[in-house]
Protein backbone atom coordinates (compact mmCIF):
# COMPACT_ATOMS: atom_id res chain seq x y z
CA MET A 1 1.54 -10.06 -9.54
CA LYS A 2 1.72 -10.74 -13.49
CA ILE A 3 -1.32 -10.39 -15.43
CA ARG A 4 -1.94 -13.25 -17.67
CA ASN A 5 -5.02 -11.38 -19.56
CA GLN A 6 -7.73 -9.03 -18.70
CA THR A 7 -10.33 -11.79 -17.31
CA ASP A 8 -7.34 -11.94 -14.69
CA HIS A 9 -7.97 -8.76 -12.90
CA GLN A 10 -10.44 -7.05 -11.70
CA ALA A 11 -10.32 -3.14 -13.63
CA PHE A 12 -7.53 -0.86 -11.62
CA ILE A 13 -8.06 2.32 -11.59
CA SER A 14 -4.61 4.42 -11.35
CA GLY A 15 -4.28 6.07 -7.84
CA GLU A 16 -6.61 4.29 -5.84
CA LEU A 17 -5.81 1.90 -3.41
CA TYR A 18 -6.18 -1.56 -3.40
CA LEU A 19 -4.95 -4.48 -0.50
CA PHE A 20 -3.23 -7.20 -2.15
CA HIS A 21 -2.28 -10.72 -0.29
CA PRO A 22 -0.85 -13.96 -1.34
CA THR A 23 -3.31 -16.30 0.26
CA ALA A 24 -6.81 -14.94 1.57
CA ARG A 25 -9.26 -14.17 -0.50
CA SER A 26 -10.63 -11.57 1.79
CA CYS A 27 -7.21 -9.75 2.24
CA SER A 28 -8.29 -8.45 5.69
CA ALA A 29 -6.56 -5.32 5.98
CA THR A 30 -4.38 -7.39 8.70
CA GLY A 31 -1.47 -9.29 6.81
CA SER A 32 -2.23 -7.38 3.13
CA LEU A 33 -0.09 -5.17 1.66
CA PHE A 34 -1.59 -1.71 0.84
CA GLY A 35 -0.65 -0.52 -2.69
CA ILE A 36 -1.48 2.74 -4.08
CA PHE A 37 -1.94 1.27 -8.14
CA ASP A 38 0.29 3.02 -10.67
CA LYS A 39 0.16 0.57 -13.93
CA ILE A 40 -0.23 -2.13 -16.11
CA ALA A 41 2.34 -2.12 -18.17
CA ASP A 42 3.97 -6.15 -20.34
CA GLY A 43 0.84 -7.52 -17.90
CA ILE A 44 3.07 -6.87 -14.69
CA LEU A 45 1.31 -4.68 -11.89
CA TYR A 46 3.40 -1.40 -10.67
CA LEU A 47 2.26 0.15 -7.55
CA GLU A 48 3.29 3.66 -6.59
CA SER A 49 3.82 3.18 -3.31
CA SER A 50 3.24 -0.17 -0.30
CA SER A 51 2.97 -0.61 3.34
CA SER A 52 2.16 -3.94 5.14
CA ASP A 53 2.01 -1.94 8.33
CA LEU A 54 1.33 1.40 7.43
CA ILE A 55 5.07 2.59 9.22
CA HIS A 56 7.53 1.71 7.08
CA PHE A 57 6.93 2.26 2.58
CA ARG A 58 8.11 1.43 -0.64
CA LEU A 59 7.77 3.90 -3.17
CA TRP A 60 7.33 2.76 -6.67
CA HIS A 61 7.58 -0.69 -7.59
CA ARG A 62 6.35 -4.00 -9.14
CA LEU A 63 4.18 -5.90 -6.98
CA PRO A 64 5.76 -8.89 -5.93
CA SER A 65 4.61 -12.04 -7.63
CA ASP A 66 3.56 -14.06 -4.94
CA TYR A 67 0.89 -11.89 -4.40
CA ARG A 68 -2.21 -13.80 -5.69
CA TYR A 69 -5.66 -11.68 -4.43
CA CYS A 70 -6.61 -7.77 -4.46
CA ARG A 71 -9.45 -6.11 -3.37
CA HIS A 72 -10.12 -2.47 -3.33
CA ALA A 73 -9.60 -0.38 -0.47
CA SER A 74 -12.08 1.00 2.11
CA ARG A 75 -12.60 4.48 2.73
CA THR A 76 -11.27 4.63 6.62
CA GLU A 77 -8.32 1.89 4.83
CA LEU A 78 -7.70 5.40 2.41
CA ARG A 79 -7.58 7.65 4.83
CA ASP A 80 -5.21 5.41 7.44
CA TYR A 81 -3.09 4.29 4.72
CA ILE A 82 -3.06 8.31 2.93
CA PHE A 83 -2.25 10.04 6.68
CA ASN A 84 0.82 7.14 7.61
CA LEU A 85 2.52 7.21 4.04
CA ALA A 86 2.38 11.49 4.81
CA LEU A 87 3.75 11.70 8.00
CA TYR A 88 6.66 8.87 6.27
CA GLU A 89 7.23 11.25 4.09
CA ARG A 90 7.71 14.26 6.50
CA LEU A 91 9.98 12.12 8.22
CA GLU A 92 11.69 11.53 5.54
CA MET A 93 12.42 14.59 4.04
CA GLN A 94 13.46 16.04 7.80
CA HIS A 95 15.67 12.87 8.53
CA GLY A 96 16.43 11.65 5.77
CA ARG A 97 14.79 8.34 6.76
CA CYS A 98 11.68 7.34 8.54
CA GLN A 99 11.34 6.99 11.97
CA PRO A 100 9.62 4.32 14.16
CA PRO A 101 6.28 5.83 15.66
CA HIS A 102 7.81 5.98 19.28
CA ALA A 103 10.27 8.24 17.45
CA MET A 104 7.20 10.36 16.48
CA PRO A 105 7.00 14.02 17.73
CA PRO A 106 4.21 13.86 20.43
CA GLU A 107 1.87 15.71 18.82
CA ILE A 108 2.10 13.47 15.54
CA GLU A 109 1.01 10.13 16.25
CA SER A 110 0.30 6.88 13.40
CA CYS A 111 -3.27 6.10 12.36
CA THR A 112 -3.74 2.73 12.72
CA HIS A 113 -7.41 2.67 12.95
CA LEU A 114 -7.41 -0.94 11.49
């Protein structure tokens, strides 16, 4: 998402979770990219982490250019995102890569209340 000027975007807060969507202004949880805002540099929005399915995550990257709309995440969306990001990071450290939810230990389940 290339930010042209101050009127083209809301006041993003570093460390906050936002939902981004290429075509829908509502940015419903289904079909949106969840991303934790890092910074805007040279008019380009950067994310600390992001996920479109709350299973697979991408870390430290630019927001892809096809996303036009965004909104601040709800507390429920934030809770689910952080839980799943922590689970992803745990599995990444344990196995060197994240396993799909069916391969998760039975005592831990993916949190998707969306």
